[in-house]
Amino acid sequence: MTKTSTCIYRFLVLSWYTFLNYYISQEGKDEVKSEILANGARWKYMTLLNLLLQTIFYGVTCLDDVLKRTKGRKDIKFLTAFRDLLFTTLAFPVSTFVFLAFWILFLYNRDLIYPKVLDTIIPVWLNHAMHTFIFPITLAEVILRPHSYPSKKTGLTLLAAASIAYISRTMLLFLLKERGLLNTRPADWKLISVPSLDSHKLFTCDNLDDPPIPMCGEVSFSSVLCQGWKQRERQRVHCKELGL
């Protein structure tokens, strides 16, 4: 039977991930920051999907612990099997990938993944909560509770299916935005989102055949956040004046 201290630890981790998901959802209500989460875009960020995945996993884990203690049983067959499958095929691999991919790119060239200007927009503690603490928390789970691993074929199949589903949805959002089906801007704006782990670029002005100019060409998403809505209005007016 799981130790009480381990149960308390898992409950605290569940509470932590629940808080992070709630905090980020509240941040999405901000008029400028909501650009990141517009039209379901939140669910193409692997960082945010990982937070949701960890919340689900620790929710299942806590439920498994509670049922074992209340029923006095060593295993709740289905729930324990599902917990182990979820951890070994998704929760651990995804959190490890997010941690390694983010920090390798950050150390190589942070502008590729997390431009310095974002330090003034996203709190440092939130950055570490999303990209740093996830790995030691997951590693602690490996140490605290040995899990039953599925067959190599089953594990790789589920991981591949999840990866294909994620990439397919990301590309679908990209294509819909490119065709203007998810465009929420005025008619003279076109929003194209280039999918990556955590960074996007915006291309403004419908007429992209003309050479881009500083105000209406390619700008990084982080710079758009910093400029805010007033700057975007100036860009729109500038584009109209030039007949673009």
C-alpha atoms as a PDB file:
ATOM      1  CA  MET A   1       0.000   0.000   0.000  1.00  0.00           C
ATOM      2  CA  THR A   2       1.216   3.502  -0.847  1.00  0.00           C
ATOM      3  CA  LYS A   3       2.739   5.426   2.052  1.00  0.00           C
ATOM      4  CA  THR A   4       0.816   8.380   3.438  1.00  0.00           C
ATOM      5  CA  SER A   5       3.710  10.757   2.757  1.00  0.00           C
ATOM      6  CA  THR A   6       3.768   9.699  -0.921  1.00  0.00           C
ATOM      7  CA  CYS A   7       0.007  10.250  -1.189  1.00  0.00           C
ATOM      8  CA  ILE A   8       0.352  13.732   0.290  1.00  0.00           C
ATOM      9  CA  TYR A   9       3.218  14.525  -2.091  1.00  0.00           C
ATOM     10  CA  ARG A  10       1.163  13.479  -5.122  1.00  0.00           C
ATOM     11  CA  PHE A  11      -1.801  15.509  -3.927  1.00  0.00           C
ATOM     12  CA  LEU A  12       0.439  18.576  -3.587  1.00  0.00           C
ATOM     13  CA  VAL A  13       1.798  18.023  -7.106  1.00  0.00           C
ATOM     14  CA  LEU A  14      -1.764  17.688  -8.429  1.00  0.00           C
ATOM     15  CA  SER A  15      -2.697  20.943  -6.690  1.00  0.00           C
ATOM     16  CA  TRP A  16       0.374  22.645  -8.189  1.00  0.00           C
ATOM     17  CA  TYR A  17      -0.464  21.605 -11.751  1.00  0.00           C
ATOM     18  CA  THR A  18      -4.117  22.516 -11.253  1.00  0.00           C
ATOM     19  CA  PHE A  19      -3.053  25.973 -10.078  1.00  0.00           C
ATOM     20  CA  LEU A  20      -0.772  26.425 -13.121  1.00  0.00           C
ATOM     21  CA  ASN A  21      -3.558  25.522 -15.538  1.00  0.00           C
ATOM     22  CA  TYR A  22      -5.932  27.907 -13.793  1.00  0.00           C
ATOM     23  CA  TYR A  23      -3.361  30.727 -13.691  1.00  0.00           C
ATOM     24  CA  ILE A  24      -2.590  30.393 -17.404  1.00  0.00           C
ATOM     25  CA  SER A  25      -6.293  30.323 -18.279  1.00  0.00           C
ATOM     26  CA  GLN A  26      -6.740  33.586 -16.365  1.00  0.00           C
ATOM     27  CA  GLU A  27      -3.751  35.110 -18.170  1.00  0.00           C
ATOM     28  CA  GLY A  28      -5.504  34.260 -21.422  1.00  0.00           C
ATOM     29  CA  LYS A  29      -8.225  36.778 -20.539  1.00  0.00           C
ATOM     30  CA  ASP A  30      -5.723  39.606 -20.891  1.00  0.00           C
ATOM     31  CA  GLU A  31      -6.502  41.553 -24.088  1.00  0.00           C
ATOM     32  CA  VAL A  32      -2.951  41.356 -25.440  1.00  0.00           C
ATOM     33  CA  LYS A  33      -1.910  37.933 -24.114  1.00  0.00           C
ATOM     34  CA  SER A  34      -5.119  36.410 -25.427  1.00  0.00           C
ATOM     35  CA  GLU A  35      -3.480  36.566 -28.869  1.00  0.00           C
ATOM     36  CA  ILE A  36      -1.526  33.454 -27.874  1.00  0.00           C
ATOM     37  CA  LEU A  37      -4.640  31.477 -27.010  1.00  0.00           C
ATOM     38  CA  ALA A  38      -6.992  32.724 -29.745  1.00  0.00           C
ATOM     39  CA  ASN A  39      -9.087  30.218 -31.710  1.00  0.00           C
ATOM     40  CA  GLY A  40      -7.973  27.235 -29.665  1.00  0.00           C
ATOM     41  CA  ALA A  41      -4.310  28.041 -30.277  1.00  0.00           C
ATOM     42  CA  ARG A  42      -3.547  27.180 -26.669  1.00  0.00           C
ATOM     43  CA  TRP A  43      -3.749  23.519 -27.551  1.00  0.00           C
ATOM     44  CA  LYS A  44      -0.956  23.641 -30.097  1.00  0.00           C
ATOM     45  CA  TYR A  45       1.620  24.597 -27.462  1.00  0.00           C
ATOM     46  CA  MET A  46       3.256  21.410 -26.253  1.00  0.00           C
ATOM     47  CA  THR A  47       4.285  23.180 -23.042  1.00  0.00           C
ATOM     48  CA  LEU A  48       0.651  23.861 -22.129  1.00  0.00           C
ATOM     49  CA  LEU A  49      -0.535  20.459 -23.296  1.00  0.00           C
ATOM     50  CA  ASN A  50       2.087  18.895 -21.051  1.00  0.00           C
ATOM     51  CA  LEU A  51       0.741  20.799 -18.027  1.00  0.00           C
ATOM     52  CA  LEU A  52      -2.731  19.440 -18.762  1.00  0.00           C
ATOM     53  CA  LEU A  53      -1.328  15.941 -19.268  1.00  0.00           C
ATOM     54  CA  GLN A  54       0.509  16.051 -15.928  1.00  0.00           C
ATOM     55  CA  THR A  55      -2.664  17.257 -14.201  1.00  0.00           C
ATOM     56  CA  ILE A  56      -4.636  14.333 -15.618  1.00  0.00           C
ATOM     57  CA  PHE A  57      -1.926  11.849 -14.671  1.00  0.00           C
ATOM     58  CA  TYR A  58      -1.640  13.032 -11.068  1.00  0.00           C
ATOM     59  CA  GLY A  59      -5.430  13.139 -10.826  1.00  0.00           C
ATOM     60  CA  VAL A  60      -5.549   9.461 -11.812  1.00  0.00           C
ATOM     61  CA  THR A  61      -2.662   8.713  -9.439  1.00  0.00           C
ATOM     62  CA  CYS A  62      -4.358  10.397  -6.473  1.00  0.00           C
ATOM     63  CA  LEU A  63      -7.616   8.586  -7.228  1.00  0.00           C
ATOM     64  CA  ASP A  64      -5.730   5.289  -7.349  1.00  0.00           C
ATOM     65  CA  ASP A  65      -4.067   6.034  -3.991  1.00  0.00           C
ATOM     66  CA  VAL A  66      -7.364   6.993  -2.345  1.00  0.00           C
ATOM     67  CA  LEU A  67      -9.195   3.893  -3.574  1.00  0.00           C
ATOM     68  CA  LYS A  68      -6.377   1.617  -2.429  1.00  0.00           C
ATOM     69  CA  ARG A  69      -6.430   3.083   1.063  1.00  0.00           C
ATOM     70  CA  THR A  70     -10.211   3.128   1.414  1.00  0.00           C
ATOM     71  CA  LYS A  71     -10.696  -0.394   0.053  1.00  0.00           C
ATOM     72  CA  GLY A  72      -7.530  -1.791   1.649  1.00  0.00           C
ATOM     73  CA  ARG A  73      -6.400  -3.349  -1.596  1.00  0.00           C
ATOM     74  CA  LYS A  74      -2.898  -3.458  -3.026  1.00  0.00           C
ATOM     75  CA  ASP A  75      -4.063  -2.817  -6.588  1.00  0.00           C
ATOM     76  CA  ILE A  76      -7.123  -1.442  -8.345  1.00  0.00           C
ATOM     77  CA  LYS A  77      -6.456  -3.460 -11.470  1.00  0.00           C
ATOM     78  CA  PHE A  78      -7.840  -1.236 -14.245  1.00  0.00           C
ATOM     79  CA  LEU A  79      -6.945   2.107 -12.632  1.00  0.00           C
ATOM     80  CA  THR A  80      -3.407   1.030 -11.725  1.00  0.00           C
ATOM     81  CA  ALA A  81      -2.802  -0.315 -15.234  1.00  0.00           C
ATOM     82  CA  PHE A  82      -4.111   2.902 -16.789  1.00  0.00           C
ATOM     83  CA  ARG A  83      -1.944   5.000 -14.458  1.00  0.00           C
ATOM     84  CA  ASP A  84       1.187   3.080 -15.403  1.00  0.00           C
ATOM     85  CA  LEU A  85       0.361   3.186 -19.114  1.00  0.00           C
ATOM     86  CA  LEU A  86      -0.295   6.936 -18.999  1.00  0.00           C
ATOM     87  CA  PHE A  87       2.952   7.636 -17.177  1.00  0.00           C
ATOM     88  CA  THR A  88       5.269   5.431 -19.208  1.00  0.00           C
ATOM     89  CA  THR A  89       3.918   6.275 -22.673  1.00  0.00           C
ATOM     90  CA  LEU A  90       2.997   9.964 -22.333  1.00  0.00           C
ATOM     91  CA  ALA A  91       3.554  11.752 -19.014  1.00  0.00           C
ATOM     92  CA  PHE A  92       7.245  10.913 -18.635  1.00  0.00           C
ATOM     93  CA  PRO A  93       8.316  11.120 -22.331  1.00  0.00           C
ATOM     94  CA  VAL A  94       6.476  14.398 -23.012  1.00  0.00           C
ATOM     95  CA  SER A  95       7.707  16.214 -19.894  1.00  0.00           C
ATOM     96  CA  THR A  96      11.275  15.049 -20.600  1.00  0.00           C
ATOM     97  CA  PHE A  97      11.039  16.220 -24.216  1.00  0.00           C
ATOM     98  CA  VAL A  98       9.660  19.638 -23.259  1.00  0.00           C
ATOM     99  CA  PHE A  99      12.413  20.102 -20.669  1.00  0.00           C
ATOM    100  CA  LEU A 100      15.269  19.034 -22.968  1.00  0.00           C
ATOM    101  CA  ALA A 101      13.996  20.721 -26.135  1.00  0.00           C
ATOM    102  CA  PHE A 102      13.362  24.044 -24.398  1.00  0.00           C
ATOM    103  CA  TRP A 103      16.640  24.301 -22.525  1.00  0.00           C
ATOM    104  CA  ILE A 104      18.830  22.993 -25.350  1.00  0.00           C
ATOM    105  CA  LEU A 105      17.396  25.607 -27.713  1.00  0.00           C
ATOM    106  CA  PHE A 106      17.452  28.250 -24.977  1.00  0.00           C
ATOM    107  CA  LEU A 107      21.147  27.696 -24.280  1.00  0.00           C
ATOM    108  CA  TYR A 108      21.996  27.512 -27.977  1.00  0.00           C
ATOM    109  CA  ASN A 109      20.054  30.633 -28.991  1.00  0.00           C
ATOM    110  CA  ARG A 110      17.215  31.769 -26.794  1.00  0.00           C
ATOM    111  CA  ASP A 111      15.683  33.860 -29.581  1.00  0.00           C
ATOM    112  CA  LEU A 112      14.686  30.614 -31.276  1.00  0.00           C
ATOM    113  CA  ILE A 113      12.398  29.600 -28.435  1.00  0.00           C
ATOM    114  CA  TYR A 114      12.040  32.300 -25.771  1.00  0.00           C
ATOM    115  CA  PRO A 115      13.167  35.823 -26.750  1.00  0.00           C
ATOM    116  CA  LYS A 116      14.509  37.961 -23.922  1.00  0.00           C
ATOM    117  CA  VAL A 117      11.628  40.400 -24.268  1.00  0.00           C
ATOM    118  CA  LEU A 118       9.282  37.699 -22.947  1.00  0.00           C
ATOM    119  CA  ASP A 119      10.971  38.045 -19.544  1.00  0.00           C
ATOM    120  CA  THR A 120       9.014  41.284 -19.138  1.00  0.00           C
ATOM    121  CA  ILE A 121       5.726  39.603 -20.084  1.00  0.00           C
ATOM    122  CA  ILE A 122       5.860  36.115 -18.568  1.00  0.00           C
ATOM    123  CA  PRO A 123       6.993  35.851 -14.920  1.00  0.00           C
ATOM    124  CA  VAL A 124      10.301  34.023 -14.424  1.00  0.00           C
ATOM    125  CA  TRP A 125       8.705  31.625 -11.934  1.00  0.00           C
ATOM    126  CA  LEU A 126       6.062  30.659 -14.518  1.00  0.00           C
ATOM    127  CA  ASN A 127       8.721  29.983 -17.137  1.00  0.00           C
ATOM    128  CA  HIS A 128      10.541  27.631 -14.750  1.00  0.00           C
ATOM    129  CA  ALA A 129       7.268  26.041 -13.653  1.00  0.00           C
ATOM    130  CA  MET A 130       6.446  25.194 -17.276  1.00  0.00           C
ATOM    131  CA  HIS A 131       9.916  24.233 -18.505  1.00  0.00           C
ATOM    132  CA  THR A 132      12.177  23.345 -15.565  1.00  0.00           C
ATOM    133  CA  PHE A 133      10.315  21.916 -12.583  1.00  0.00           C
ATOM    134  CA  ILE A 134       8.369  19.466 -14.738  1.00  0.00           C
ATOM    135  CA  PHE A 135      11.417  17.217 -15.150  1.00  0.00           C
ATOM    136  CA  PRO A 136      12.492  16.770 -11.490  1.00  0.00           C
ATOM    137  CA  ILE A 137       8.836  16.258 -10.500  1.00  0.00           C
ATOM    138  CA  THR A 138       8.475  13.519 -13.110  1.00  0.00           C
ATOM    139  CA  LEU A 139      11.830  12.026 -12.116  1.00  0.00           C
ATOM    140  CA  ALA A 140      10.701  11.923  -8.485  1.00  0.00           C
ATOM    141  CA  GLU A 141       7.656   9.910  -9.580  1.00  0.00           C
ATOM    142  CA  VAL A 142       9.975   7.310 -11.128  1.00  0.00           C
ATOM    143  CA  ILE A 143      11.878   6.993  -7.857  1.00  0.00           C
ATOM    144  CA  LEU A 144       8.876   7.036  -5.507  1.00  0.00           C
ATOM    145  CA  ARG A 145       6.797   4.499  -7.365  1.00  0.00           C
ATOM    146  CA  PRO A 146       8.188   1.862  -9.758  1.00  0.00           C
ATOM    147  CA  HIS A 147       5.754   1.541 -12.644  1.00  0.00           C
ATOM    148  CA  SER A 148       4.851  -1.470 -14.753  1.00  0.00           C
ATOM    149  CA  TYR A 149       6.012  -0.790 -18.289  1.00  0.00           C
ATOM    150  CA  PRO A 150       3.949  -1.912 -21.299  1.00  0.00           C
ATOM    151  CA  SER A 151       5.474  -3.856 -24.165  1.00  0.00           C
ATOM    152  CA  LYS A 152       7.767  -1.892 -26.460  1.00  0.00           C
ATOM    153  CA  LYS A 153       5.272  -2.223 -29.301  1.00  0.00           C
ATOM    154  CA  THR A 154       2.369  -0.884 -27.228  1.00  0.00           C
ATOM    155  CA  GLY A 155       4.395   1.989 -25.789  1.00  0.00           C
ATOM    156  CA  LEU A 156       5.801   3.131 -29.129  1.00  0.00           C
ATOM    157  CA  THR A 157       2.419   2.789 -30.839  1.00  0.00           C
ATOM    158  CA  LEU A 158       0.651   5.005 -28.292  1.00  0.00           C
ATOM    159  CA  LEU A 159       3.462   7.568 -28.281  1.00  0.00           C
ATOM    160  CA  ALA A 160       3.501   7.668 -32.101  1.00  0.00           C
ATOM    161  CA  ALA A 161      -0.296   8.028 -32.229  1.00  0.00           C
ATOM    162  CA  ALA A 162      -0.208  10.925 -29.753  1.00  0.00           C
ATOM    163  CA  SER A 163       2.603  12.611 -31.709  1.00  0.00           C
ATOM    164  CA  ILE A 164       0.766  12.271 -35.022  1.00  0.00           C
ATOM    165  CA  ALA A 165      -2.451  13.615 -33.474  1.00  0.00           C
ATOM    166  CA  TYR A 166      -0.581  16.618 -32.031  1.00  0.00           C
ATOM    167  CA  ILE A 167       1.240  17.437 -35.289  1.00  0.00           C
ATOM    168  CA  SER A 168      -1.934  16.960 -37.347  1.00  0.00           C
ATOM    169  CA  ARG A 169      -3.950  19.349 -35.199  1.00  0.00           C
ATOM    170  CA  THR A 170      -1.161  21.922 -35.211  1.00  0.00           C
ATOM    171  CA  MET A 171      -0.916  21.780 -38.995  1.00  0.00           C
ATOM    172  CA  LEU A 172      -4.713  21.957 -39.302  1.00  0.00           C
ATOM    173  CA  LEU A 173      -4.793  25.164 -37.256  1.00  0.00           C
ATOM    174  CA  PHE A 174      -1.977  26.544 -39.382  1.00  0.00           C
ATOM    175  CA  LEU A 175      -3.784  25.752 -42.648  1.00  0.00           C
ATOM    176  CA  LEU A 176      -7.092  27.148 -41.407  1.00  0.00           C
ATOM    177  CA  LYS A 177      -5.437  30.389 -40.376  1.00  0.00           C
ATOM    178  CA  GLU A 178      -3.542  30.573 -43.653  1.00  0.00           C
ATOM    179  CA  ARG A 179      -6.829  30.276 -45.543  1.00  0.00           C
ATOM    180  CA  GLY A 180      -8.375  32.903 -43.279  1.00  0.00           C
ATOM    181  CA  LEU A 181     -11.003  30.560 -41.824  1.00  0.00           C
ATOM    182  CA  LEU A 182      -9.920  31.352 -38.269  1.00  0.00           C
ATOM    183  CA  ASN A 183      -9.072  34.969 -38.934  1.00  0.00           C
ATOM    184  CA  THR A 184     -10.553  37.202 -36.242  1.00  0.00           C
ATOM    185  CA  ARG A 185      -8.861  40.398 -37.454  1.00  0.00           C
ATOM    186  CA  PRO A 186     -10.326  43.034 -39.806  1.00  0.00           C
ATOM    187  CA  ALA A 187     -10.492  42.197 -43.518  1.00  0.00           C
ATOM    188  CA  ASP A 188      -7.231  43.947 -44.341  1.00  0.00           C
ATOM    189  CA  TRP A 189      -5.272  41.757 -41.913  1.00  0.00           C
ATOM    190  CA  LYS A 190      -4.074  38.229 -42.406  1.00  0.00           C
ATOM    191  CA  LEU A 191      -2.754  36.178 -39.523  1.00  0.00           C
ATOM    192  CA  ILE A 192      -0.446  33.275 -40.269  1.00  0.00           C
ATOM    193  CA  SER A 193       0.876  31.286 -37.348  1.00  0.00           C
ATOM    194  CA  VAL A 194       4.035  29.275 -37.891  1.00  0.00           C
ATOM    195  CA  PRO A 195       3.935  26.314 -35.489  1.00  0.00           C
ATOM    196  CA  SER A 196       6.900  25.618 -33.248  1.00  0.00           C
ATOM    197  CA  LEU A 197       7.363  24.581 -29.637  1.00  0.00           C
ATOM    198  CA  ASP A 198       6.710  28.000 -28.124  1.00  0.00           C
ATOM    199  CA  SER A 199       7.290  30.759 -30.676  1.00  0.00           C
ATOM    200  CA  HIS A 200       5.284  32.160 -33.588  1.00  0.00           C
ATOM    201  CA  LYS A 201       5.574  34.831 -36.211  1.00  0.00           C
ATOM    202  CA  LEU A 202       2.899  37.138 -37.535  1.00  0.00           C
ATOM    203  CA  PHE A 203       2.627  38.309 -41.100  1.00  0.00           C
ATOM    204  CA  THR A 204       0.416  41.337 -41.504  1.00  0.00           C
ATOM    205  CA  CYS A 205      -1.225  42.930 -44.574  1.00  0.00           C
ATOM    206  CA  ASP A 206      -3.114  40.872 -47.105  1.00  0.00           C
ATOM    207  CA  ASN A 207      -0.844  41.727 -49.988  1.00  0.00           C
ATOM    208  CA  LEU A 208       2.194  39.641 -49.069  1.00  0.00           C
ATOM    209  CA  ASP A 209       3.430  39.596 -52.666  1.00  0.00           C
ATOM    210  CA  ASP A 210       4.920  43.055 -52.199  1.00  0.00           C
ATOM    211  CA  PRO A 211       8.250  43.343 -50.374  1.00  0.00           C
ATOM    212  CA  PRO A 212       7.562  43.732 -46.644  1.00  0.00           C
ATOM    213  CA  ILE A 213       8.179  47.081 -45.035  1.00  0.00           C
ATOM    214  CA  PRO A 214       9.196  47.590 -41.406  1.00  0.00           C
ATOM    215  CA  MET A 215       5.690  48.390 -40.182  1.00  0.00           C
ATOM    216  CA  CYS A 216       3.765  45.829 -42.243  1.00  0.00           C
ATOM    217  CA  GLY A 217       6.199  43.013 -42.815  1.00  0.00           C
ATOM    218  CA  GLU A 218       7.313  40.121 -40.667  1.00  0.00           C
ATOM    219  CA  VAL A 219       7.425  40.720 -36.932  1.00  0.00           C
ATOM    220  CA  SER A 220       8.031  38.328 -34.069  1.00  0.00           C
ATOM    221  CA  PHE A 221       5.091  37.409 -31.867  1.00  0.00           C
ATOM    222  CA  SER A 222       6.888  38.664 -28.791  1.00  0.00           C
ATOM    223  CA  SER A 223       7.308  42.107 -30.343  1.00  0.00           C
ATOM    224  CA  VAL A 224       3.594  42.230 -31.104  1.00  0.00           C
ATOM    225  CA  LEU A 225       2.865  41.494 -27.457  1.00  0.00           C
ATOM    226  CA  CYS A 226       5.146  44.311 -26.369  1.00  0.00           C
ATOM    227  CA  GLN A 227       3.738  46.832 -28.812  1.00  0.00           C
ATOM    228  CA  GLY A 228       0.182  46.056 -27.767  1.00  0.00           C
ATOM    229  CA  TRP A 229      -3.034  46.937 -29.465  1.00  0.00           C
ATOM    230  CA  LYS A 230      -2.226  50.614 -30.062  1.00  0.00           C
ATOM    231  CA  GLN A 231       0.840  49.700 -32.082  1.00  0.00           C
ATOM    232  CA  ARG A 232      -1.169  47.180 -34.075  1.00  0.00           C
ATOM    233  CA  GLU A 233      -3.697  49.891 -34.893  1.00  0.00           C
ATOM    234  CA  ARG A 234      -0.879  52.125 -36.151  1.00  0.00           C
ATOM    235  CA  GLN A 235       0.317  49.255 -38.325  1.00  0.00           C
ATOM    236  CA  ARG A 236      -3.183  48.788 -39.750  1.00  0.00           C
ATOM    237  CA  VAL A 237      -3.539  52.482 -40.546  1.00  0.00           C
ATOM    238  CA  HIS A 238      -0.074  52.534 -42.124  1.00  0.00           C
ATOM    239  CA  CYS A 239      -0.971  49.584 -44.342  1.00  0.00           C
ATOM    240  CA  LYS A 240      -4.152  51.308 -45.469  1.00  0.00           C
ATOM    241  CA  GLU A 241      -2.306  54.504 -46.282  1.00  0.00           C
ATOM    242  CA  LEU A 242       0.090  52.572 -48.500  1.00  0.00           C
ATOM    243  CA  GLY A 243      -2.814  50.799 -50.202  1.00  0.00           C
ATOM    244  CA  LEU A 244      -1.699  47.350 -49.075  1.00  0.00           C
END
